[in-house]
N, C-alpha and C. Protein backbone atom coordinates (compact mmCIF):
# COMPACT_ATOMS: atom_id res chain seq x y z
N MET A 1 -25.91 -27.08 4.50
CA MET A 1 -26.32 -25.75 4.14
C MET A 1 -25.23 -25.01 3.37
N ALA A 2 -23.98 -25.20 3.78
CA ALA A 2 -22.89 -24.54 3.08
C ALA A 2 -22.77 -25.03 1.65
N LYS A 3 -23.07 -26.32 1.45
CA LYS A 3 -22.97 -26.86 0.10
C LYS A 3 -24.08 -26.32 -0.79
N GLU A 4 -25.16 -25.92 -0.18
CA GLU A 4 -26.29 -25.42 -0.96
C GLU A 4 -26.03 -24.02 -1.51
N ARG A 5 -25.19 -23.28 -0.78
CA ARG A 5 -24.90 -21.92 -1.26
C ARG A 5 -24.09 -22.00 -2.54
N THR A 6 -24.37 -21.11 -3.41
CA THR A 6 -23.55 -21.06 -4.62
C THR A 6 -22.36 -20.17 -4.31
N GLU A 7 -21.24 -20.69 -4.56
CA GLU A 7 -20.02 -19.95 -4.28
C GLU A 7 -19.79 -18.93 -5.38
N LYS A 8 -19.61 -17.69 -4.98
CA LYS A 8 -19.33 -16.65 -5.96
C LYS A 8 -17.91 -16.82 -6.47
N SER A 9 -17.75 -16.58 -7.70
CA SER A 9 -16.42 -16.62 -8.29
C SER A 9 -15.65 -15.39 -7.83
N ILE A 10 -14.51 -15.62 -7.22
CA ILE A 10 -13.66 -14.52 -6.78
C ILE A 10 -12.57 -14.35 -7.81
N LYS A 11 -12.53 -13.19 -8.38
CA LYS A 11 -11.53 -12.93 -9.41
C LYS A 11 -10.43 -12.07 -8.82
N ALA A 12 -9.22 -12.46 -9.09
CA ALA A 12 -8.08 -11.66 -8.66
C ALA A 12 -8.02 -10.40 -9.52
N GLU A 13 -7.71 -9.31 -8.88
CA GLU A 13 -7.57 -8.06 -9.62
C GLU A 13 -6.13 -7.96 -10.12
N ARG A 14 -5.94 -8.15 -11.39
CA ARG A 14 -4.61 -8.08 -11.98
C ARG A 14 -4.27 -6.63 -12.27
N ARG A 15 -3.04 -6.26 -11.93
CA ARG A 15 -2.56 -4.91 -12.18
C ARG A 15 -1.13 -5.01 -12.70
N THR A 16 -0.71 -4.01 -13.41
CA THR A 16 0.66 -3.97 -13.89
C THR A 16 1.16 -2.54 -13.76
N PRO A 17 2.43 -2.35 -13.45
CA PRO A 17 2.93 -0.99 -13.31
C PRO A 17 3.08 -0.31 -14.67
N ASP A 18 2.73 0.94 -14.72
CA ASP A 18 2.95 1.77 -15.91
C ASP A 18 4.30 2.45 -15.70
N LEU A 19 5.32 1.93 -16.35
CA LEU A 19 6.68 2.42 -16.15
C LEU A 19 7.09 3.51 -17.14
N THR A 20 6.14 4.10 -17.83
CA THR A 20 6.50 5.11 -18.83
C THR A 20 7.23 6.30 -18.22
N GLN A 21 7.00 6.58 -16.94
CA GLN A 21 7.70 7.68 -16.28
C GLN A 21 9.12 7.30 -15.87
N PHE A 22 9.47 6.03 -16.03
CA PHE A 22 10.76 5.53 -15.59
C PHE A 22 11.47 4.78 -16.72
N PRO A 23 11.82 5.48 -17.80
CA PRO A 23 12.41 4.79 -18.95
C PRO A 23 13.80 4.22 -18.66
N ASN A 24 14.47 4.72 -17.63
CA ASN A 24 15.82 4.26 -17.31
C ASN A 24 15.89 3.51 -15.99
N LEU A 25 14.78 2.94 -15.56
CA LEU A 25 14.68 2.25 -14.28
C LEU A 25 15.77 1.20 -14.12
N VAL A 26 16.33 1.15 -12.91
CA VAL A 26 17.35 0.17 -12.55
C VAL A 26 16.88 -0.56 -11.30
N VAL A 27 16.96 -1.88 -11.32
CA VAL A 27 16.65 -2.69 -10.15
C VAL A 27 17.94 -3.39 -9.74
N VAL A 28 18.29 -3.29 -8.48
CA VAL A 28 19.50 -3.93 -8.00
C VAL A 28 19.14 -4.80 -6.80
N TYR A 29 19.62 -6.04 -6.84
CA TYR A 29 19.50 -6.96 -5.72
C TYR A 29 20.89 -7.05 -5.10
N LEU A 30 20.95 -7.03 -3.78
CA LEU A 30 22.21 -7.13 -3.07
C LEU A 30 22.06 -8.15 -1.97
N GLY A 31 23.13 -8.87 -1.67
CA GLY A 31 23.06 -9.85 -0.60
C GLY A 31 24.38 -10.01 0.11
N MET A 32 24.28 -10.41 1.37
CA MET A 32 25.45 -10.69 2.19
C MET A 32 25.19 -12.02 2.90
N LYS A 33 26.14 -12.92 2.78
CA LYS A 33 25.97 -14.28 3.32
C LYS A 33 27.08 -14.57 4.32
N VAL A 34 26.69 -15.12 5.47
CA VAL A 34 27.65 -15.49 6.50
C VAL A 34 28.48 -16.67 6.02
N LYS A 35 29.81 -16.53 6.11
CA LYS A 35 30.71 -17.61 5.70
C LYS A 35 31.60 -18.09 6.85
N ALA A 36 31.62 -17.32 7.95
CA ALA A 36 32.40 -17.67 9.14
C ALA A 36 31.63 -17.12 10.35
N PRO A 37 31.84 -17.66 11.54
CA PRO A 37 31.08 -17.20 12.70
C PRO A 37 31.05 -15.69 12.90
N ARG A 38 32.16 -15.01 12.68
CA ARG A 38 32.17 -13.56 12.88
C ARG A 38 31.29 -12.84 11.85
N GLY A 39 30.91 -13.53 10.80
CA GLY A 39 30.06 -12.94 9.78
C GLY A 39 28.66 -12.62 10.28
N ILE A 40 28.20 -13.33 11.32
CA ILE A 40 26.87 -13.04 11.88
C ILE A 40 26.84 -11.60 12.38
N LYS A 41 27.87 -11.21 13.12
CA LYS A 41 27.94 -9.84 13.63
C LYS A 41 28.02 -8.84 12.47
N THR A 42 28.79 -9.18 11.44
CA THR A 42 28.93 -8.28 10.29
C THR A 42 27.58 -8.05 9.62
N VAL A 43 26.86 -9.13 9.34
CA VAL A 43 25.56 -9.00 8.66
C VAL A 43 24.59 -8.19 9.52
N LEU A 44 24.51 -8.53 10.80
CA LEU A 44 23.56 -7.83 11.67
C LEU A 44 23.92 -6.36 11.88
N SER A 45 25.19 -6.02 11.79
CA SER A 45 25.60 -4.62 12.00
C SER A 45 25.21 -3.73 10.82
N PHE A 46 24.91 -4.33 9.68
CA PHE A 46 24.59 -3.51 8.50
C PHE A 46 23.16 -3.01 8.49
N GLY A 47 22.25 -3.67 9.20
CA GLY A 47 20.85 -3.24 9.22
C GLY A 47 20.68 -1.77 9.56
N PRO A 48 21.19 -1.31 10.70
CA PRO A 48 21.04 0.11 11.05
C PRO A 48 21.72 1.06 10.05
N LYS A 49 22.87 0.66 9.53
CA LYS A 49 23.56 1.51 8.55
C LYS A 49 22.73 1.66 7.28
N ILE A 50 22.16 0.56 6.83
CA ILE A 50 21.35 0.59 5.62
C ILE A 50 20.10 1.42 5.84
N GLN A 51 19.43 1.21 6.98
CA GLN A 51 18.22 1.97 7.26
C GLN A 51 18.51 3.47 7.32
N LYS A 52 19.65 3.83 7.90
CA LYS A 52 20.03 5.25 7.98
C LYS A 52 20.24 5.82 6.58
N SER A 53 20.94 5.07 5.73
CA SER A 53 21.20 5.58 4.37
C SER A 53 19.91 5.71 3.57
N VAL A 54 18.98 4.79 3.76
CA VAL A 54 17.69 4.86 3.06
C VAL A 54 16.86 6.03 3.59
N ALA A 55 16.90 6.25 4.91
CA ALA A 55 16.15 7.35 5.53
C ALA A 55 16.62 8.71 5.03
N GLU A 56 17.87 8.78 4.57
CA GLU A 56 18.40 10.04 4.02
C GLU A 56 17.89 10.33 2.62
N LYS A 57 17.12 9.41 2.07
CA LYS A 57 16.48 9.54 0.76
C LYS A 57 17.46 9.99 -0.34
N PRO A 58 18.38 9.10 -0.69
CA PRO A 58 19.32 9.46 -1.76
C PRO A 58 18.58 9.80 -3.05
N ASP A 59 19.09 10.79 -3.76
CA ASP A 59 18.48 11.21 -5.02
C ASP A 59 18.44 10.02 -5.97
N GLY A 60 17.26 9.73 -6.47
CA GLY A 60 17.10 8.66 -7.44
C GLY A 60 16.61 7.35 -6.86
N LEU A 61 16.70 7.15 -5.54
CA LEU A 61 16.20 5.91 -4.94
C LEU A 61 14.68 5.98 -4.86
N LEU A 62 14.02 5.08 -5.55
CA LEU A 62 12.55 5.07 -5.59
C LEU A 62 11.96 4.16 -4.52
N LEU A 63 12.62 3.02 -4.24
CA LEU A 63 12.09 2.07 -3.28
C LEU A 63 13.22 1.17 -2.79
N HIS A 64 13.18 0.86 -1.49
CA HIS A 64 14.14 -0.06 -0.87
C HIS A 64 13.34 -1.11 -0.12
N GLU A 65 13.67 -2.38 -0.32
CA GLU A 65 13.01 -3.48 0.38
C GLU A 65 14.05 -4.44 0.93
N ASN A 66 13.91 -4.81 2.20
CA ASN A 66 14.80 -5.79 2.82
C ASN A 66 14.31 -7.19 2.47
N MET A 67 15.26 -8.14 2.40
CA MET A 67 14.92 -9.51 2.04
C MET A 67 15.79 -10.48 2.85
N PHE A 68 15.27 -11.69 3.05
CA PHE A 68 16.06 -12.78 3.61
C PHE A 68 16.07 -13.90 2.58
N PHE A 69 17.26 -14.36 2.24
CA PHE A 69 17.39 -15.45 1.30
C PHE A 69 17.44 -16.79 2.03
N SER A 70 18.07 -16.81 3.22
CA SER A 70 18.07 -18.01 4.04
C SER A 70 18.44 -17.62 5.47
N LEU A 71 18.01 -18.46 6.41
CA LEU A 71 18.37 -18.24 7.81
C LEU A 71 19.62 -19.00 8.20
N PHE A 72 19.85 -20.17 7.54
CA PHE A 72 21.05 -20.92 7.82
C PHE A 72 21.64 -21.45 6.53
N PRO A 73 22.78 -20.97 6.11
CA PRO A 73 23.49 -19.88 6.76
C PRO A 73 22.75 -18.56 6.53
N LEU A 74 22.93 -17.63 7.46
CA LEU A 74 22.27 -16.34 7.35
C LEU A 74 22.69 -15.67 6.04
N HIS A 75 21.70 -15.32 5.25
CA HIS A 75 21.92 -14.70 3.93
C HIS A 75 20.82 -13.65 3.77
N ALA A 76 21.17 -12.41 4.02
CA ALA A 76 20.21 -11.31 3.98
C ALA A 76 20.54 -10.38 2.82
N GLY A 77 19.57 -9.59 2.44
CA GLY A 77 19.83 -8.67 1.34
C GLY A 77 18.73 -7.65 1.18
N MET A 78 18.71 -7.08 -0.01
CA MET A 78 17.73 -6.05 -0.30
C MET A 78 17.51 -5.96 -1.80
N ARG A 79 16.42 -5.32 -2.14
CA ARG A 79 16.14 -4.98 -3.53
C ARG A 79 15.88 -3.48 -3.54
N GLN A 80 16.50 -2.81 -4.49
CA GLN A 80 16.31 -1.37 -4.63
C GLN A 80 15.93 -1.03 -6.06
N TYR A 81 15.05 -0.04 -6.18
CA TYR A 81 14.65 0.50 -7.48
C TYR A 81 15.20 1.92 -7.56
N TRP A 82 15.95 2.18 -8.62
CA TRP A 82 16.58 3.50 -8.83
C TRP A 82 16.03 4.11 -10.11
N ARG A 83 15.89 5.42 -10.12
CA ARG A 83 15.38 6.16 -11.28
C ARG A 83 16.24 5.91 -12.51
N ASP A 84 17.56 5.85 -12.32
CA ASP A 84 18.47 5.65 -13.44
C ASP A 84 19.83 5.19 -12.92
N PHE A 85 20.64 4.70 -13.83
CA PHE A 85 21.96 4.19 -13.48
C PHE A 85 22.84 5.28 -12.89
N GLU A 86 22.77 6.48 -13.44
CA GLU A 86 23.63 7.57 -12.98
C GLU A 86 23.38 7.90 -11.51
N SER A 87 22.12 7.89 -11.08
CA SER A 87 21.80 8.15 -9.66
C SER A 87 22.41 7.07 -8.77
N LEU A 88 22.26 5.82 -9.18
CA LEU A 88 22.82 4.71 -8.41
C LEU A 88 24.34 4.81 -8.37
N GLU A 89 24.95 5.07 -9.50
CA GLU A 89 26.41 5.18 -9.57
C GLU A 89 26.91 6.31 -8.67
N GLN A 90 26.25 7.45 -8.72
CA GLN A 90 26.64 8.60 -7.89
C GLN A 90 26.59 8.22 -6.41
N TRP A 91 25.50 7.58 -6.00
CA TRP A 91 25.34 7.23 -4.59
C TRP A 91 26.37 6.20 -4.14
N THR A 92 26.63 5.18 -4.97
CA THR A 92 27.55 4.12 -4.54
C THR A 92 28.99 4.59 -4.42
N ARG A 93 29.31 5.70 -5.05
CA ARG A 93 30.70 6.17 -5.04
C ARG A 93 30.91 7.39 -4.16
N SER A 94 29.99 7.62 -3.25
CA SER A 94 30.13 8.78 -2.36
C SER A 94 29.61 8.45 -0.97
N GLY A 95 29.89 9.32 -0.02
CA GLY A 95 29.35 9.25 1.33
C GLY A 95 29.56 7.94 2.04
N ALA A 96 28.53 7.54 2.79
CA ALA A 96 28.61 6.36 3.64
C ALA A 96 28.89 5.09 2.85
N HIS A 97 28.28 4.98 1.67
CA HIS A 97 28.50 3.76 0.88
C HIS A 97 29.96 3.63 0.47
N LYS A 98 30.56 4.72 0.06
CA LYS A 98 31.97 4.69 -0.34
C LYS A 98 32.84 4.24 0.83
N GLN A 99 32.61 4.81 2.00
CA GLN A 99 33.41 4.44 3.18
C GLN A 99 33.20 2.97 3.54
N TRP A 100 31.94 2.53 3.50
CA TRP A 100 31.65 1.13 3.82
C TRP A 100 32.37 0.21 2.84
N TRP A 101 32.27 0.50 1.56
CA TRP A 101 32.84 -0.37 0.54
C TRP A 101 34.36 -0.44 0.67
N GLN A 102 35.02 0.70 0.91
CA GLN A 102 36.47 0.70 1.07
C GLN A 102 36.89 -0.19 2.24
N SER A 103 36.16 -0.13 3.33
CA SER A 103 36.46 -0.94 4.50
C SER A 103 36.15 -2.41 4.23
N PHE A 104 35.02 -2.67 3.62
CA PHE A 104 34.56 -4.04 3.38
C PHE A 104 35.47 -4.80 2.43
N VAL A 105 35.94 -4.15 1.39
CA VAL A 105 36.81 -4.83 0.43
C VAL A 105 38.12 -5.27 1.09
N ARG A 106 38.57 -4.51 2.07
CA ARG A 106 39.80 -4.87 2.79
C ARG A 106 39.57 -6.03 3.77
N ASP A 107 38.35 -6.12 4.33
CA ASP A 107 38.02 -7.19 5.28
C ASP A 107 36.53 -7.45 5.21
N THR A 108 36.14 -8.57 4.65
CA THR A 108 34.72 -8.89 4.46
C THR A 108 34.03 -9.33 5.75
N GLY A 109 34.74 -9.37 6.85
CA GLY A 109 34.14 -9.67 8.14
C GLY A 109 33.47 -11.02 8.22
N GLY A 110 34.01 -12.01 7.51
CA GLY A 110 33.45 -13.35 7.56
C GLY A 110 32.21 -13.54 6.71
N THR A 111 32.04 -12.69 5.70
CA THR A 111 30.87 -12.78 4.83
C THR A 111 31.28 -12.81 3.37
N GLY A 112 30.34 -13.11 2.53
CA GLY A 112 30.47 -12.92 1.10
C GLY A 112 29.42 -11.89 0.70
N PHE A 113 29.66 -11.18 -0.37
CA PHE A 113 28.74 -10.13 -0.81
C PHE A 113 28.53 -10.24 -2.31
N TRP A 114 27.35 -9.87 -2.76
CA TRP A 114 27.06 -9.90 -4.19
C TRP A 114 26.02 -8.83 -4.53
N HIS A 115 26.01 -8.45 -5.79
CA HIS A 115 24.89 -7.66 -6.32
C HIS A 115 24.62 -8.09 -7.76
N GLU A 116 23.37 -7.98 -8.13
CA GLU A 116 22.95 -8.17 -9.52
C GLU A 116 22.12 -6.96 -9.88
N LEU A 117 22.39 -6.40 -11.05
CA LEU A 117 21.75 -5.16 -11.49
C LEU A 117 21.03 -5.40 -12.81
N TYR A 118 19.79 -4.93 -12.87
CA TYR A 118 18.96 -5.11 -14.06
C TYR A 118 18.43 -3.75 -14.49
N VAL A 119 18.60 -3.41 -15.75
CA VAL A 119 18.16 -2.13 -16.28
C VAL A 119 16.99 -2.38 -17.22
N ARG A 120 16.05 -1.47 -17.21
CA ARG A 120 14.82 -1.65 -17.99
C ARG A 120 15.10 -1.93 -19.46
N ASN A 121 16.17 -1.37 -20.00
CA ASN A 121 16.47 -1.57 -21.42
C ASN A 121 17.06 -2.95 -21.71
N GLY A 122 17.17 -3.80 -20.69
CA GLY A 122 17.65 -5.17 -20.90
C GLY A 122 19.07 -5.42 -20.44
N GLU A 123 19.79 -4.39 -20.06
CA GLU A 123 21.16 -4.60 -19.57
C GLU A 123 21.10 -5.30 -18.21
N MET A 124 22.12 -6.09 -17.93
CA MET A 124 22.25 -6.70 -16.61
C MET A 124 23.71 -7.01 -16.36
N GLU A 125 24.07 -7.00 -15.08
CA GLU A 125 25.44 -7.32 -14.69
C GLU A 125 25.44 -7.74 -13.23
N GLY A 126 26.51 -8.35 -12.80
CA GLY A 126 26.63 -8.77 -11.41
C GLY A 126 28.06 -8.71 -10.95
N ALA A 127 28.22 -8.60 -9.63
CA ALA A 127 29.55 -8.63 -9.03
C ALA A 127 29.45 -9.47 -7.76
N PHE A 128 30.45 -10.32 -7.54
CA PHE A 128 30.43 -11.25 -6.42
C PHE A 128 31.77 -11.20 -5.71
N LEU A 129 31.74 -10.98 -4.41
CA LEU A 129 32.94 -10.87 -3.60
C LEU A 129 32.93 -12.02 -2.59
N ASP A 130 33.87 -12.94 -2.75
CA ASP A 130 33.93 -14.14 -1.91
C ASP A 130 32.62 -14.92 -1.96
N MET A 131 32.01 -14.98 -3.11
CA MET A 131 30.75 -15.72 -3.30
C MET A 131 30.86 -16.49 -4.61
N THR A 132 30.45 -17.73 -4.59
CA THR A 132 30.32 -18.52 -5.80
C THR A 132 29.07 -19.37 -5.66
N GLU A 133 28.62 -19.91 -6.75
CA GLU A 133 27.44 -20.78 -6.76
C GLU A 133 26.21 -20.08 -6.18
N SER A 134 26.08 -18.80 -6.49
CA SER A 134 24.92 -18.04 -6.04
C SER A 134 24.51 -17.12 -7.19
N GLY A 135 23.21 -16.95 -7.38
CA GLY A 135 22.74 -16.06 -8.43
C GLY A 135 23.33 -16.42 -9.77
N MET A 136 23.75 -15.43 -10.51
CA MET A 136 24.29 -15.64 -11.86
C MET A 136 25.49 -16.57 -11.89
N THR A 137 26.27 -16.59 -10.79
CA THR A 137 27.47 -17.45 -10.78
C THR A 137 27.13 -18.93 -10.69
N ALA A 138 25.88 -19.25 -10.37
CA ALA A 138 25.47 -20.66 -10.28
C ALA A 138 25.33 -21.29 -11.66
N PHE A 139 25.20 -20.47 -12.71
CA PHE A 139 25.03 -21.04 -14.05
C PHE A 139 25.97 -20.46 -15.10
N ALA A 140 26.60 -19.33 -14.79
CA ALA A 140 27.47 -18.69 -15.78
C ALA A 140 28.92 -18.72 -15.31
N PRO A 141 29.85 -18.89 -16.24
CA PRO A 141 31.26 -18.85 -15.84
C PRO A 141 31.61 -17.45 -15.32
N THR A 142 32.62 -17.38 -14.48
CA THR A 142 33.04 -16.09 -13.93
C THR A 142 34.42 -15.72 -14.44
N VAL A 143 34.71 -14.45 -14.39
CA VAL A 143 36.02 -13.92 -14.75
C VAL A 143 36.46 -12.98 -13.64
N PRO A 144 37.76 -12.78 -13.48
CA PRO A 144 38.21 -11.84 -12.45
C PRO A 144 37.67 -10.42 -12.72
N THR A 145 37.39 -9.71 -11.65
CA THR A 145 36.91 -8.33 -11.78
C THR A 145 38.12 -7.42 -11.97
N ARG A 146 38.59 -7.40 -13.20
CA ARG A 146 39.75 -6.60 -13.57
C ARG A 146 39.46 -5.95 -14.92
N GLY A 147 40.24 -4.96 -15.27
CA GLY A 147 40.12 -4.33 -16.59
C GLY A 147 38.70 -3.85 -16.86
N THR A 148 38.14 -4.28 -17.98
CA THR A 148 36.80 -3.81 -18.35
C THR A 148 35.72 -4.35 -17.41
N MET A 149 36.05 -5.31 -16.55
CA MET A 149 35.06 -5.85 -15.62
C MET A 149 35.13 -5.19 -14.25
N PHE A 150 35.93 -4.12 -14.10
CA PHE A 150 36.17 -3.52 -12.80
C PHE A 150 35.04 -2.62 -12.31
N SER A 151 34.18 -2.14 -13.19
CA SER A 151 33.07 -1.27 -12.74
C SER A 151 31.77 -1.69 -13.41
N ALA A 152 30.67 -1.41 -12.73
CA ALA A 152 29.36 -1.74 -13.30
C ALA A 152 29.18 -1.05 -14.64
N ARG A 153 29.61 0.20 -14.76
CA ARG A 153 29.48 0.94 -16.02
C ARG A 153 30.18 0.19 -17.14
N ARG A 154 31.37 -0.31 -16.85
CA ARG A 154 32.11 -1.02 -17.90
C ARG A 154 31.55 -2.43 -18.14
N ARG A 155 31.06 -3.10 -17.06
CA ARG A 155 30.45 -4.42 -17.26
C ARG A 155 29.20 -4.30 -18.12
N LEU A 156 28.49 -3.18 -18.00
CA LEU A 156 27.30 -2.94 -18.82
C LEU A 156 27.66 -2.44 -20.21
N ARG A 157 28.94 -2.14 -20.43
CA ARG A 157 29.43 -1.59 -21.70
C ARG A 157 28.77 -0.25 -22.01
N ARG A 158 28.58 0.55 -20.95
CA ARG A 158 28.00 1.88 -21.12
C ARG A 158 29.11 2.86 -21.45
N GLY A 159 28.83 3.73 -22.35
CA GLY A 159 29.78 4.78 -22.68
C GLY A 159 29.71 5.90 -21.67
N GLY A 160 30.44 6.93 -21.93
CA GLY A 160 30.41 8.10 -21.06
C GLY A 160 31.35 7.97 -19.88
N GLU A 161 31.52 9.08 -19.23
CA GLU A 161 32.40 9.13 -18.07
C GLU A 161 31.64 8.73 -16.81
N GLU A 162 32.37 8.14 -15.88
CA GLU A 162 31.78 7.81 -14.59
C GLU A 162 31.47 9.12 -13.87
N ALA A 163 30.28 9.20 -13.26
CA ALA A 163 29.85 10.41 -12.58
C ALA A 163 30.80 10.80 -11.46
N VAL A 164 31.33 9.81 -10.79
CA VAL A 164 32.24 10.00 -9.67
C VAL A 164 33.32 8.94 -9.82
N PRO A 165 34.58 9.26 -9.50
CA PRO A 165 35.62 8.24 -9.61
C PRO A 165 35.28 7.01 -8.78
N SER A 166 35.80 5.88 -9.20
CA SER A 166 35.59 4.62 -8.50
C SER A 166 36.06 4.73 -7.05
N VAL A 167 35.46 3.94 -6.18
CA VAL A 167 35.84 3.90 -4.77
C VAL A 167 37.31 3.51 -4.65
N PHE A 168 37.75 2.58 -5.47
CA PHE A 168 39.13 2.12 -5.54
C PHE A 168 39.55 2.08 -7.00
N SER A 169 40.82 2.30 -7.24
CA SER A 169 41.33 2.00 -8.57
C SER A 169 41.83 0.56 -8.53
N GLU A 170 41.97 -0.04 -9.69
CA GLU A 170 42.51 -1.41 -9.73
C GLU A 170 43.90 -1.46 -9.10
N GLU A 171 44.71 -0.44 -9.37
CA GLU A 171 46.07 -0.41 -8.84
C GLU A 171 46.06 -0.37 -7.31
N GLU A 172 45.10 0.37 -6.71
CA GLU A 172 45.01 0.42 -5.26
C GLU A 172 44.69 -0.95 -4.67
N LEU A 173 43.86 -1.70 -5.34
CA LEU A 173 43.46 -3.02 -4.83
C LEU A 173 44.46 -4.11 -5.17
N TYR A 174 44.95 -4.10 -6.40
CA TYR A 174 45.74 -5.24 -6.88
C TYR A 174 47.18 -4.93 -7.23
N GLY A 175 47.57 -3.67 -7.14
CA GLY A 175 48.92 -3.28 -7.53
C GLY A 175 48.98 -3.01 -9.03
N ALA A 176 50.12 -2.58 -9.48
CA ALA A 176 50.32 -2.26 -10.90
C ALA A 176 50.23 -3.54 -11.73
N PRO A 177 49.62 -3.43 -12.91
CA PRO A 177 49.53 -4.64 -13.79
C PRO A 177 50.92 -5.12 -14.18
N ASN A 178 51.02 -6.43 -14.40
CA ASN A 178 52.33 -7.03 -14.78
C ASN A 178 52.66 -6.70 -16.20
């Protein structure tokens, strides 16, 4: 009897976002991967901090989504959509994020961290801390994050002044240049 019925064609409803209201849209992927046993605690401790920062609705954050890249080794992350680069830059260099980053750069807690940033106009950049063979670094050569590579604004070759000073200066992290 089931074979006798004619099966109706089910068509998927295709949709696409109309991004005309978001000409400067920025998408950023971030990840943290366990590299040592103590890294499990580090990764798991960030969940509540991230949820709190998202709940505060930073200006310019349009959407935040949590992601898992792998369970073993634990590699968790997120994808965020920002109205524009300036909003993202402002947020990353102030408040809780600034404090977290200053602490994390001094001690990664047994993890590696990375971000990749994509801008609607075609710009893209990435930064990797104690991470290799992941994302863009799996196929592209890397260079030290120094000089013009020290900030996302400079990696994107964007003009203008940074909205807020960097969390660290190169001299604070690496000492005076030789």
